[in-house]
Amino acid sequence: MLEIKNLSKSFSSTKVLDDISCSIELGKLVALTGKNGSGKTTFLKCISNIMNTDNGKISYRDSQFLFLNDKSNIFSDLTIKNNLKCILRFYNQKINKDLYLKYISLLGLEKFENLPLKNLSKGNLQRNKLLIALNVSWEYLLIDEPLVNLDHSGKSILKEIFLKFKSQNKTVIFSTHNFSYLSDICDECFEFEKGKLVHVN
């Protein structure tokens, strides 16, 4: 279980997270909602240890986290496969060729396999983040705005993938401005407002 107690984070005089406390069990799909600047992305960065907190305690018993945002495609001169290899190396993992071939086909990225990431459309870059999530071993997936730039087909695939993760007892925590599309499969929705966790549903 991921337990967060009294989490706070400020940038200069602006408090971005204000005394957040919550708990998230393994195998759950949790949406973070709220307006731009409400603290959703900062929350993801803090619980994944990418960003230091000012106050509070985060307990997760050495669980493996994978955080995916726009910088997941940071190696923009590399191809899809080589970008994935670099990320796997960071997690001390190696590419599984069978899984890679299976999921690059599922996501419709095989015809773009030899292109550098900088030449992919925004929608295919988003699909590439899903490819990363399917090839890296983790217990908690933290993903920022996974629905953005996806067409209807891409959104359907994403929902299928999220359900697969739940069936494997993995936890997905994601921020979104389009909660309605995934509301039927989510276990919880955390609503943020001006740095505060104002509602859990």
N, C-alpha and C. Protein backbone atom coordinates (compact mmCIF):
# COMPACT_ATOMS: atom_id res chain seq x y z
N MET A 1 0.84 -1.21 0.00
CA MET A 1 0.00 0.00 0.00
C MET A 1 0.87 1.25 0.00
N LEU A 2 0.46 2.24 -0.78
CA LEU A 2 1.12 3.54 -0.80
C LEU A 2 0.40 4.45 0.20
N GLU A 3 1.14 4.96 1.18
CA GLU A 3 0.55 5.84 2.18
C GLU A 3 1.24 7.19 2.15
N ILE A 4 0.45 8.24 2.08
CA ILE A 4 0.95 9.60 2.00
C ILE A 4 0.35 10.38 3.16
N LYS A 5 1.22 11.01 3.95
CA LYS A 5 0.75 11.75 5.12
C LYS A 5 1.33 13.16 5.12
N ASN A 6 0.44 14.15 5.15
CA ASN A 6 0.80 15.56 5.32
C ASN A 6 1.82 16.05 4.30
N LEU A 7 1.62 15.66 3.05
CA LEU A 7 2.54 16.02 1.97
C LEU A 7 2.33 17.47 1.56
N SER A 8 3.42 18.24 1.56
CA SER A 8 3.36 19.64 1.14
C SER A 8 4.54 19.96 0.24
N LYS A 9 4.30 20.85 -0.71
CA LYS A 9 5.36 21.29 -1.63
C LYS A 9 5.07 22.71 -2.08
N SER A 10 6.10 23.56 -2.02
CA SER A 10 5.97 24.95 -2.46
C SER A 10 7.06 25.29 -3.46
N PHE A 11 6.74 26.22 -4.35
CA PHE A 11 7.73 26.82 -5.24
C PHE A 11 7.74 28.31 -4.94
N SER A 12 8.87 28.77 -4.36
CA SER A 12 8.96 30.14 -3.87
C SER A 12 7.84 30.36 -2.84
N SER A 13 6.96 31.32 -3.07
CA SER A 13 5.89 31.60 -2.10
C SER A 13 4.58 30.91 -2.46
N THR A 14 4.60 30.12 -3.52
CA THR A 14 3.37 29.46 -3.97
C THR A 14 3.32 28.03 -3.45
N LYS A 15 2.29 27.72 -2.68
CA LYS A 15 2.12 26.36 -2.16
C LYS A 15 1.37 25.55 -3.21
N VAL A 16 2.04 24.55 -3.76
CA VAL A 16 1.45 23.74 -4.84
C VAL A 16 0.72 22.53 -4.28
N LEU A 17 1.26 21.96 -3.21
CA LEU A 17 0.58 20.88 -2.49
C LEU A 17 0.47 21.28 -1.03
N ASP A 18 -0.74 21.14 -0.46
CA ASP A 18 -1.00 21.67 0.86
C ASP A 18 -1.55 20.57 1.79
N ASP A 19 -0.64 19.92 2.52
CA ASP A 19 -1.01 18.96 3.56
C ASP A 19 -1.89 17.83 3.02
N ILE A 20 -1.37 17.10 2.01
CA ILE A 20 -2.11 16.01 1.38
C ILE A 20 -1.90 14.71 2.15
N SER A 21 -2.99 14.04 2.48
CA SER A 21 -2.92 12.72 3.12
C SER A 21 -3.90 11.78 2.42
N CYS A 22 -3.41 10.59 2.06
CA CYS A 22 -4.27 9.60 1.41
C CYS A 22 -3.53 8.27 1.38
N SER A 23 -4.24 7.22 1.02
CA SER A 23 -3.62 5.91 0.84
C SER A 23 -4.17 5.25 -0.41
N ILE A 24 -3.31 4.49 -1.09
CA ILE A 24 -3.69 3.84 -2.34
C ILE A 24 -3.21 2.39 -2.29
N GLU A 25 -4.13 1.45 -2.45
CA GLU A 25 -3.79 0.03 -2.40
C GLU A 25 -3.30 -0.46 -3.75
N LEU A 26 -2.53 -1.56 -3.71
CA LEU A 26 -2.09 -2.19 -4.94
C LEU A 26 -3.29 -2.71 -5.73
N GLY A 27 -3.16 -2.67 -7.05
CA GLY A 27 -4.20 -3.18 -7.91
C GLY A 27 -5.32 -2.20 -8.19
N LYS A 28 -5.13 -0.94 -7.85
CA LYS A 28 -6.17 0.07 -8.04
C LYS A 28 -5.85 0.98 -9.22
N LEU A 29 -6.89 1.49 -9.83
CA LEU A 29 -6.77 2.49 -10.89
C LEU A 29 -7.32 3.79 -10.33
N VAL A 30 -6.43 4.80 -10.18
CA VAL A 30 -6.78 6.03 -9.48
C VAL A 30 -6.57 7.23 -10.40
N ALA A 31 -7.62 8.02 -10.56
CA ALA A 31 -7.55 9.23 -11.39
C ALA A 31 -7.34 10.46 -10.51
N LEU A 32 -6.52 11.38 -10.99
CA LEU A 32 -6.33 12.67 -10.34
C LEU A 32 -6.97 13.73 -11.23
N THR A 33 -7.92 14.46 -10.70
CA THR A 33 -8.61 15.47 -11.49
C THR A 33 -8.45 16.84 -10.85
N GLY A 34 -8.76 17.87 -11.62
CA GLY A 34 -8.64 19.25 -11.15
C GLY A 34 -8.15 20.15 -12.25
N LYS A 35 -8.28 21.44 -12.05
CA LYS A 35 -7.87 22.42 -13.05
C LYS A 35 -6.35 22.45 -13.21
N ASN A 36 -5.89 23.07 -14.30
CA ASN A 36 -4.46 23.28 -14.48
C ASN A 36 -3.90 24.02 -13.27
N GLY A 37 -2.76 23.56 -12.77
CA GLY A 37 -2.13 24.22 -11.63
C GLY A 37 -2.69 23.81 -10.28
N SER A 38 -3.56 22.80 -10.26
CA SER A 38 -4.16 22.39 -8.99
C SER A 38 -3.25 21.47 -8.17
N GLY A 39 -2.16 20.96 -8.80
CA GLY A 39 -1.19 20.16 -8.05
C GLY A 39 -1.07 18.71 -8.50
N LYS A 40 -1.80 18.32 -9.52
CA LYS A 40 -1.83 16.91 -9.93
C LYS A 40 -0.46 16.39 -10.35
N THR A 41 0.21 17.10 -11.26
CA THR A 41 1.50 16.64 -11.77
C THR A 41 2.57 16.68 -10.68
N THR A 42 2.55 17.72 -9.86
CA THR A 42 3.51 17.81 -8.76
C THR A 42 3.31 16.66 -7.78
N PHE A 43 2.07 16.28 -7.54
CA PHE A 43 1.76 15.13 -6.68
C PHE A 43 2.40 13.87 -7.24
N LEU A 44 2.26 13.64 -8.54
CA LEU A 44 2.86 12.46 -9.17
C LEU A 44 4.38 12.48 -9.05
N LYS A 45 4.97 13.64 -9.26
CA LYS A 45 6.43 13.75 -9.19
C LYS A 45 6.93 13.52 -7.77
N CYS A 46 6.20 14.00 -6.79
CA CYS A 46 6.63 13.83 -5.39
C CYS A 46 6.55 12.38 -4.95
N ILE A 47 5.46 11.70 -5.28
CA ILE A 47 5.33 10.32 -4.79
C ILE A 47 6.23 9.36 -5.56
N SER A 48 6.73 9.79 -6.72
CA SER A 48 7.68 8.95 -7.47
C SER A 48 9.13 9.29 -7.13
N ASN A 49 9.33 10.24 -6.20
CA ASN A 49 10.67 10.65 -5.75
C ASN A 49 11.46 11.41 -6.83
N ILE A 50 10.79 11.85 -7.87
CA ILE A 50 11.45 12.70 -8.87
C ILE A 50 11.64 14.10 -8.32
N MET A 51 10.75 14.51 -7.44
CA MET A 51 10.79 15.84 -6.86
C MET A 51 10.80 15.72 -5.34
N ASN A 52 11.64 16.49 -4.69
CA ASN A 52 11.68 16.51 -3.23
C ASN A 52 10.44 17.21 -2.66
N THR A 53 10.03 16.76 -1.49
CA THR A 53 8.91 17.39 -0.81
C THR A 53 9.43 18.35 0.26
N ASP A 54 8.57 19.27 0.69
CA ASP A 54 8.94 20.17 1.79
C ASP A 54 8.62 19.52 3.13
N ASN A 55 7.48 18.87 3.20
CA ASN A 55 7.03 18.20 4.43
C ASN A 55 6.25 16.95 4.05
N GLY A 56 6.09 16.07 5.03
CA GLY A 56 5.26 14.90 4.83
C GLY A 56 6.04 13.62 4.73
N LYS A 57 5.31 12.53 4.71
CA LYS A 57 5.90 11.20 4.66
C LYS A 57 5.22 10.37 3.58
N ILE A 58 6.04 9.68 2.78
CA ILE A 58 5.53 8.79 1.74
C ILE A 58 6.08 7.40 2.02
N SER A 59 5.18 6.44 2.22
CA SER A 59 5.58 5.08 2.55
C SER A 59 5.09 4.12 1.47
N TYR A 60 6.02 3.37 0.87
CA TYR A 60 5.63 2.44 -0.19
C TYR A 60 6.43 1.15 -0.18
N ARG A 61 7.17 0.88 0.88
CA ARG A 61 7.84 -0.41 1.10
C ARG A 61 8.68 -0.85 -0.12
N ASP A 62 9.49 0.03 -0.61
CA ASP A 62 10.45 -0.30 -1.69
C ASP A 62 9.78 -0.78 -2.97
N SER A 63 8.57 -0.32 -3.24
CA SER A 63 7.88 -0.68 -4.48
C SER A 63 8.56 0.00 -5.66
N GLN A 64 8.44 -0.64 -6.83
CA GLN A 64 9.03 -0.11 -8.05
C GLN A 64 8.03 0.83 -8.74
N PHE A 65 8.48 2.08 -8.99
CA PHE A 65 7.65 3.08 -9.64
C PHE A 65 8.13 3.32 -11.07
N LEU A 66 7.18 3.60 -11.95
CA LEU A 66 7.49 4.09 -13.29
C LEU A 66 6.69 5.36 -13.49
N PHE A 67 7.38 6.47 -13.70
CA PHE A 67 6.72 7.76 -13.92
C PHE A 67 6.87 8.14 -15.39
N LEU A 68 5.73 8.41 -16.04
CA LEU A 68 5.74 8.76 -17.46
C LEU A 68 5.06 10.10 -17.69
N ASN A 69 5.82 11.03 -18.23
CA ASN A 69 5.26 12.30 -18.69
C ASN A 69 5.87 12.60 -20.05
N ASP A 70 5.83 13.84 -20.49
CA ASP A 70 6.38 14.18 -21.82
C ASP A 70 7.86 13.86 -21.92
N LYS A 71 8.57 13.90 -20.80
CA LYS A 71 10.01 13.65 -20.82
C LYS A 71 10.34 12.17 -20.97
N SER A 72 9.31 11.32 -21.01
CA SER A 72 9.54 9.90 -21.27
C SER A 72 10.06 9.69 -22.69
N ASN A 73 9.86 10.69 -23.54
CA ASN A 73 10.36 10.65 -24.91
C ASN A 73 11.56 11.60 -25.08
N ILE A 74 12.33 11.73 -23.99
CA ILE A 74 13.41 12.73 -23.97
C ILE A 74 14.53 12.41 -24.96
N PHE A 75 14.75 11.13 -25.26
CA PHE A 75 15.81 10.76 -26.20
C PHE A 75 15.26 10.90 -27.62
N SER A 76 15.00 12.12 -28.01
CA SER A 76 14.23 12.38 -29.23
C SER A 76 14.95 11.99 -30.51
N ASP A 77 16.26 11.84 -30.45
CA ASP A 77 17.01 11.44 -31.65
C ASP A 77 17.05 9.93 -31.82
N LEU A 78 16.56 9.19 -30.81
CA LEU A 78 16.59 7.74 -30.86
C LEU A 78 15.30 7.18 -31.45
N THR A 79 15.38 5.96 -31.93
CA THR A 79 14.19 5.26 -32.40
C THR A 79 13.39 4.77 -31.20
N ILE A 80 12.19 4.29 -31.46
CA ILE A 80 11.32 3.77 -30.41
C ILE A 80 12.04 2.69 -29.60
N LYS A 81 12.66 1.74 -30.27
CA LYS A 81 13.30 0.62 -29.59
C LYS A 81 14.50 1.07 -28.77
N ASN A 82 15.33 1.94 -29.33
CA ASN A 82 16.52 2.39 -28.61
C ASN A 82 16.17 3.29 -27.44
N ASN A 83 15.10 4.07 -27.57
CA ASN A 83 14.61 4.87 -26.45
C ASN A 83 14.18 3.95 -25.30
N LEU A 84 13.46 2.89 -25.65
CA LEU A 84 13.02 1.92 -24.65
C LEU A 84 14.21 1.24 -23.97
N LYS A 85 15.22 0.89 -24.76
CA LYS A 85 16.41 0.25 -24.18
C LYS A 85 17.09 1.16 -23.15
N CYS A 86 17.16 2.44 -23.45
CA CYS A 86 17.78 3.40 -22.51
C CYS A 86 16.99 3.47 -21.21
N ILE A 87 15.66 3.49 -21.31
CA ILE A 87 14.82 3.55 -20.12
C ILE A 87 14.95 2.26 -19.31
N LEU A 88 14.94 1.12 -19.99
CA LEU A 88 15.09 -0.16 -19.30
C LEU A 88 16.42 -0.25 -18.57
N ARG A 89 17.47 0.30 -19.16
CA ARG A 89 18.78 0.28 -18.53
C ARG A 89 18.75 1.04 -17.21
N PHE A 90 17.99 2.12 -17.16
CA PHE A 90 17.85 2.90 -15.93
C PHE A 90 17.24 2.05 -14.82
N TYR A 91 16.35 1.13 -15.18
CA TYR A 91 15.69 0.26 -14.21
C TYR A 91 16.41 -1.09 -14.06
N ASN A 92 17.61 -1.19 -14.62
CA ASN A 92 18.40 -2.43 -14.58
C ASN A 92 17.62 -3.61 -15.18
N GLN A 93 16.94 -3.33 -16.27
CA GLN A 93 16.16 -4.34 -16.96
C GLN A 93 16.61 -4.42 -18.42
N LYS A 94 16.29 -5.53 -19.05
CA LYS A 94 16.63 -5.72 -20.45
C LYS A 94 15.36 -5.92 -21.27
N ILE A 95 15.43 -5.61 -22.53
CA ILE A 95 14.26 -5.72 -23.40
C ILE A 95 13.90 -7.18 -23.63
N ASN A 96 12.62 -7.46 -23.54
CA ASN A 96 12.08 -8.78 -23.88
C ASN A 96 11.56 -8.67 -25.32
N LYS A 97 12.24 -9.29 -26.26
CA LYS A 97 11.92 -9.11 -27.67
C LYS A 97 10.50 -9.53 -28.01
N ASP A 98 10.05 -10.63 -27.40
CA ASP A 98 8.69 -11.11 -27.69
C ASP A 98 7.63 -10.11 -27.21
N LEU A 99 7.82 -9.59 -25.99
CA LEU A 99 6.88 -8.60 -25.48
C LEU A 99 6.92 -7.33 -26.31
N TYR A 100 8.12 -6.91 -26.67
CA TYR A 100 8.27 -5.69 -27.47
C TYR A 100 7.52 -5.82 -28.79
N LEU A 101 7.71 -6.93 -29.49
CA LEU A 101 7.05 -7.14 -30.79
C LEU A 101 5.54 -7.23 -30.63
N LYS A 102 5.08 -7.87 -29.56
CA LYS A 102 3.65 -8.01 -29.32
C LYS A 102 2.99 -6.65 -29.11
N TYR A 103 3.62 -5.82 -28.29
CA TYR A 103 2.97 -4.57 -27.91
C TYR A 103 3.19 -3.44 -28.91
N ILE A 104 4.28 -3.47 -29.65
CA ILE A 104 4.44 -2.44 -30.67
C ILE A 104 3.41 -2.65 -31.78
N SER A 105 3.04 -3.91 -32.00
CA SER A 105 1.98 -4.23 -32.96
C SER A 105 0.62 -3.80 -32.42
N LEU A 106 0.34 -4.13 -31.15
CA LEU A 106 -0.93 -3.75 -30.52
C LEU A 106 -1.16 -2.25 -30.61
N LEU A 107 -0.09 -1.48 -30.42
CA LEU A 107 -0.20 -0.02 -30.39
C LEU A 107 -0.11 0.61 -31.78
N GLY A 108 0.10 -0.20 -32.80
CA GLY A 108 0.15 0.32 -34.16
C GLY A 108 1.38 1.16 -34.45
N LEU A 109 2.48 0.85 -33.77
CA LEU A 109 3.70 1.64 -33.92
C LEU A 109 4.76 0.95 -34.77
N GLU A 110 4.51 -0.27 -35.24
CA GLU A 110 5.55 -1.01 -35.93
C GLU A 110 6.04 -0.32 -37.19
N LYS A 111 5.17 0.41 -37.89
CA LYS A 111 5.60 1.07 -39.12
C LYS A 111 6.42 2.33 -38.86
N PHE A 112 6.46 2.75 -37.59
CA PHE A 112 7.25 3.92 -37.21
C PHE A 112 8.51 3.53 -36.44
N GLU A 113 8.77 2.22 -36.37
CA GLU A 113 9.80 1.69 -35.48
C GLU A 113 11.18 2.27 -35.75
N ASN A 114 11.50 2.58 -36.99
CA ASN A 114 12.86 3.04 -37.32
C ASN A 114 12.97 4.56 -37.43
N LEU A 115 11.91 5.26 -37.06
CA LEU A 115 11.96 6.72 -37.07
C LEU A 115 12.44 7.24 -35.72
N PRO A 116 13.17 8.35 -35.70
CA PRO A 116 13.49 8.97 -34.40
C PRO A 116 12.22 9.53 -33.77
N LEU A 117 12.19 9.56 -32.46
CA LEU A 117 11.00 10.03 -31.76
C LEU A 117 10.58 11.43 -32.17
N LYS A 118 11.54 12.28 -32.52
CA LYS A 118 11.22 13.65 -32.88
C LYS A 118 10.40 13.74 -34.16
N ASN A 119 10.33 12.64 -34.92
CA ASN A 119 9.54 12.63 -36.15
C ASN A 119 8.16 12.02 -35.97
N LEU A 120 7.82 11.60 -34.74
CA LEU A 120 6.51 11.01 -34.49
C LEU A 120 5.48 12.08 -34.16
N SER A 121 4.23 11.78 -34.48
CA SER A 121 3.13 12.68 -34.13
C SER A 121 2.93 12.67 -32.61
N LYS A 122 2.20 13.65 -32.10
CA LYS A 122 1.94 13.71 -30.65
C LYS A 122 1.15 12.48 -30.19
N GLY A 123 0.22 12.03 -31.03
CA GLY A 123 -0.54 10.85 -30.68
C GLY A 123 0.31 9.61 -30.59
N ASN A 124 1.26 9.46 -31.53
CA ASN A 124 2.14 8.28 -31.50
C ASN A 124 3.17 8.37 -30.37
N LEU A 125 3.55 9.57 -30.00
CA LEU A 125 4.41 9.72 -28.83
C LEU A 125 3.67 9.27 -27.57
N GLN A 126 2.39 9.54 -27.52
CA GLN A 126 1.59 9.09 -26.38
C GLN A 126 1.46 7.56 -26.38
N ARG A 127 1.28 6.99 -27.57
CA ARG A 127 1.24 5.52 -27.67
C ARG A 127 2.59 4.93 -27.26
N ASN A 128 3.67 5.64 -27.58
CA ASN A 128 5.00 5.15 -27.20
C ASN A 128 5.17 5.09 -25.68
N LYS A 129 4.53 6.01 -24.96
CA LYS A 129 4.58 5.95 -23.50
C LYS A 129 3.90 4.68 -22.99
N LEU A 130 2.82 4.29 -23.65
CA LEU A 130 2.16 3.05 -23.27
C LEU A 130 3.05 1.84 -23.58
N LEU A 131 3.78 1.92 -24.68
CA LEU A 131 4.72 0.85 -25.01
C LEU A 131 5.78 0.71 -23.92
N ILE A 132 6.26 1.82 -23.40
CA ILE A 132 7.23 1.80 -22.31
C ILE A 132 6.62 1.12 -21.08
N ALA A 133 5.38 1.51 -20.75
CA ALA A 133 4.72 0.95 -19.57
C ALA A 133 4.53 -0.55 -19.69
N LEU A 134 4.33 -1.04 -20.90
CA LEU A 134 4.10 -2.46 -21.13
C LEU A 134 5.39 -3.29 -21.13
N ASN A 135 6.52 -2.63 -21.24
CA ASN A 135 7.80 -3.34 -21.33
C ASN A 135 8.68 -3.20 -20.10
N VAL A 136 8.37 -2.26 -19.21
CA VAL A 136 9.13 -2.07 -17.99
C VAL A 136 8.39 -2.74 -16.83
N SER A 137 9.12 -3.41 -15.95
CA SER A 137 8.51 -4.03 -14.77
C SER A 137 8.33 -2.98 -13.68
N TRP A 138 7.14 -2.90 -13.10
CA TRP A 138 6.83 -1.91 -12.07
C TRP A 138 5.63 -2.40 -11.26
N GLU A 139 5.41 -1.76 -10.11
CA GLU A 139 4.23 -2.02 -9.28
C GLU A 139 3.28 -0.84 -9.29
N TYR A 140 3.86 0.37 -9.42
CA TYR A 140 3.06 1.59 -9.50
C TYR A 140 3.42 2.34 -10.77
N LEU A 141 2.42 2.60 -11.60
CA LEU A 141 2.60 3.42 -12.79
C LEU A 141 1.99 4.79 -12.52
N LEU A 142 2.80 5.82 -12.65
CA LEU A 142 2.35 7.20 -12.49
C LEU A 142 2.45 7.86 -13.85
N ILE A 143 1.31 8.26 -14.40
CA ILE A 143 1.31 8.74 -15.78
C ILE A 143 0.51 10.04 -15.89
N ASP A 144 1.11 11.02 -16.51
CA ASP A 144 0.54 12.36 -16.62
C ASP A 144 -0.25 12.49 -17.92
N GLU A 145 -1.56 12.73 -17.80
CA GLU A 145 -2.45 12.98 -18.94
C GLU A 145 -2.31 11.92 -20.05
N PRO A 146 -2.59 10.67 -19.76
CA PRO A 146 -2.41 9.61 -20.77
C PRO A 146 -3.36 9.69 -21.95
N LEU A 147 -4.49 10.38 -21.80
CA LEU A 147 -5.48 10.44 -22.87
C LEU A 147 -5.22 11.55 -23.89
N VAL A 148 -4.38 12.50 -23.53
CA VAL A 148 -4.14 13.65 -24.41
C VAL A 148 -3.54 13.21 -25.74
N ASN A 149 -4.07 13.73 -26.82
CA ASN A 149 -3.59 13.51 -28.20
C ASN A 149 -3.90 12.12 -28.76
N LEU A 150 -4.61 11.28 -28.00
CA LEU A 150 -4.98 9.98 -28.51
C LEU A 150 -6.30 10.06 -29.28
N ASP A 151 -6.36 9.38 -30.43
CA ASP A 151 -7.61 9.27 -31.17
C ASP A 151 -8.49 8.20 -30.52
N HIS A 152 -9.66 7.97 -31.09
CA HIS A 152 -10.59 7.02 -30.47
C HIS A 152 -9.98 5.63 -30.34
N SER A 153 -9.27 5.19 -31.37
CA SER A 153 -8.63 3.88 -31.32
C SER A 153 -7.59 3.82 -30.20
N GLY A 154 -6.79 4.87 -30.09
CA GLY A 154 -5.77 4.93 -29.05
C GLY A 154 -6.36 4.91 -27.65
N LYS A 155 -7.48 5.61 -27.47
CA LYS A 155 -8.14 5.63 -26.16
C LYS A 155 -8.69 4.25 -25.80
N SER A 156 -9.22 3.56 -26.79
CA SER A 156 -9.74 2.21 -26.55
C SER A 156 -8.62 1.25 -26.15
N ILE A 157 -7.47 1.39 -26.81
CA ILE A 157 -6.32 0.55 -26.48
C ILE A 157 -5.82 0.87 -25.07
N LEU A 158 -5.79 2.16 -24.74
CA LEU A 158 -5.34 2.56 -23.40
C LEU A 158 -6.24 1.96 -22.33
N LYS A 159 -7.55 1.98 -22.55
CA LYS A 159 -8.47 1.40 -21.57
C LYS A 159 -8.21 -0.09 -21.41
N GLU A 160 -7.99 -0.77 -22.52
CA GLU A 160 -7.68 -2.20 -22.49
C GLU A 160 -6.40 -2.48 -21.71
N ILE A 161 -5.39 -1.63 -21.92
CA ILE A 161 -4.11 -1.80 -21.23
C ILE A 161 -4.27 -1.54 -19.73
N PHE A 162 -5.01 -0.51 -19.35
CA PHE A 162 -5.23 -0.22 -17.94
C PHE A 162 -5.95 -1.38 -17.24
N LEU A 163 -6.91 -1.97 -17.91
CA LEU A 163 -7.61 -3.13 -17.34
C LEU A 163 -6.66 -4.31 -17.18
N LYS A 164 -5.75 -4.46 -18.11
CA LYS A 164 -4.74 -5.53 -18.03
C LYS A 164 -3.87 -5.32 -16.79
N PHE A 165 -3.45 -4.08 -16.55
CA PHE A 165 -2.62 -3.79 -15.39
C PHE A 165 -3.37 -4.11 -14.09
N LYS A 166 -4.65 -3.73 -14.03
CA LYS A 166 -5.45 -4.02 -12.84
C LYS A 166 -5.54 -5.52 -12.59
N SER A 167 -5.70 -6.30 -13.65
CA SER A 167 -5.80 -7.75 -13.51
C SER A 167 -4.50 -8.36 -13.00
N GLN A 168 -3.38 -7.65 -13.18
CA GLN A 168 -2.08 -8.10 -12.71
C GLN A 168 -1.75 -7.55 -11.31
N ASN A 169 -2.74 -6.92 -10.67
CA ASN A 169 -2.59 -6.34 -9.34
C ASN A 169 -1.57 -5.19 -9.32
N LYS A 170 -1.49 -4.50 -10.43
CA LYS A 170 -0.63 -3.32 -10.51
C LYS A 170 -1.49 -2.06 -10.30
N THR A 171 -0.87 -1.02 -9.79
CA THR A 171 -1.57 0.22 -9.51
C THR A 171 -1.21 1.28 -10.54
N VAL A 172 -2.23 1.93 -11.08
CA VAL A 172 -2.03 3.02 -12.02
C VAL A 172 -2.63 4.29 -11.43
N ILE A 173 -1.81 5.33 -11.33
CA ILE A 173 -2.26 6.63 -10.84
C ILE A 173 -2.01 7.62 -11.97
N PHE A 174 -3.06 8.28 -12.44
CA PHE A 174 -2.91 9.15 -13.61
C PHE A 174 -3.69 10.45 -13.44
N SER A 175 -3.15 11.51 -13.99
CA SER A 175 -3.86 12.78 -14.02
C SER A 175 -4.65 12.88 -15.32
N THR A 176 -5.77 13.59 -15.28
CA THR A 176 -6.58 13.70 -16.49
C THR A 176 -7.55 14.87 -16.40
N HIS A 177 -7.88 15.41 -17.58
CA HIS A 177 -8.97 16.37 -17.72
C HIS A 177 -10.17 15.70 -18.40
N ASN A 178 -10.08 14.40 -18.61
CA ASN A 178 -11.12 13.66 -19.30
C ASN A 178 -11.47 12.40 -18.51
N PHE A 179 -11.84 12.61 -17.25
CA PHE A 179 -12.12 11.49 -16.35
C PHE A 179 -13.29 10.64 -16.83
N SER A 180 -14.27 11.24 -17.48
CA SER A 180 -15.49 10.52 -17.86
C SER A 180 -15.18 9.30 -18.73
N TYR A 181 -14.13 9.38 -19.56
CA TYR A 181 -13.84 8.27 -20.46
C TYR A 181 -13.39 7.01 -19.71
N LEU A 182 -12.72 7.19 -18.58
CA LEU A 182 -12.20 6.05 -17.82
C LEU A 182 -12.92 5.84 -16.50
N SER A 183 -13.99 6.60 -16.26
CA SER A 183 -14.66 6.55 -14.96
C SER A 183 -15.23 5.17 -14.66
N ASP A 184 -15.62 4.43 -15.70
CA ASP A 184 -16.24 3.12 -15.48
C ASP A 184 -15.26 2.05 -15.01
N ILE A 185 -13.96 2.28 -15.19
CA ILE A 185 -12.98 1.28 -14.75
C ILE A 185 -12.13 1.77 -13.58
N CYS A 186 -12.29 3.03 -13.19
CA CYS A 186 -11.49 3.58 -12.08
C CYS A 186 -12.04 3.13 -10.74
N ASP A 187 -11.14 2.91 -9.80
CA ASP A 187 -11.53 2.56 -8.43
C ASP A 187 -11.75 3.80 -7.58
N GLU A 188 -10.94 4.83 -7.83
CA GLU A 188 -11.05 6.06 -7.06
C GLU A 188 -10.71 7.26 -7.93
N CYS A 189 -11.26 8.40 -7.53
CA CYS A 189 -10.93 9.67 -8.19
C CYS A 189 -10.57 10.68 -7.10
N PHE A 190 -9.35 11.22 -7.19
CA PHE A 190 -8.89 12.25 -6.25
C PHE A 190 -9.01 13.61 -6.94
N GLU A 191 -9.79 14.49 -6.36
CA GLU A 191 -9.97 15.82 -6.93
C GLU A 191 -9.10 16.84 -6.19
N PHE A 192 -8.26 17.55 -6.96
CA PHE A 192 -7.38 18.57 -6.40
C PHE A 192 -7.92 19.97 -6.71
N GLU A 193 -7.73 20.86 -5.75
CA GLU A 193 -8.10 22.26 -5.95
C GLU A 193 -7.14 23.15 -5.17
N LYS A 194 -6.38 23.96 -5.91
CA LYS A 194 -5.43 24.90 -5.31
C LYS A 194 -4.50 24.20 -4.31
N GLY A 195 -4.00 23.03 -4.72
CA GLY A 195 -3.02 22.32 -3.91
C GLY A 195 -3.58 21.44 -2.82
N LYS A 196 -4.89 21.43 -2.68
CA LYS A 196 -5.52 20.61 -1.65
C LYS A 196 -6.27 19.43 -2.27
N LEU A 197 -6.29 18.32 -1.57
CA LEU A 197 -7.10 17.18 -1.95
C LEU A 197 -8.49 17.41 -1.37
N VAL A 198 -9.42 17.84 -2.22
CA VAL A 198 -10.73 18.31 -1.71
C VAL A 198 -11.79 17.24 -1.74
N HIS A 199 -11.57 16.17 -2.53
CA HIS A 199 -12.62 15.15 -2.62
C HIS A 199 -12.02 13.83 -3.10
N VAL A 200 -12.44 12.73 -2.48
CA VAL A 200 -12.07 11.40 -2.91
C VAL A 200 -13.35 10.63 -3.17
N ASN A 201 -13.49 10.12 -4.38
CA ASN A 201 -14.72 9.41 -4.74
C ASN A 201 -14.40 7.99 -5.25
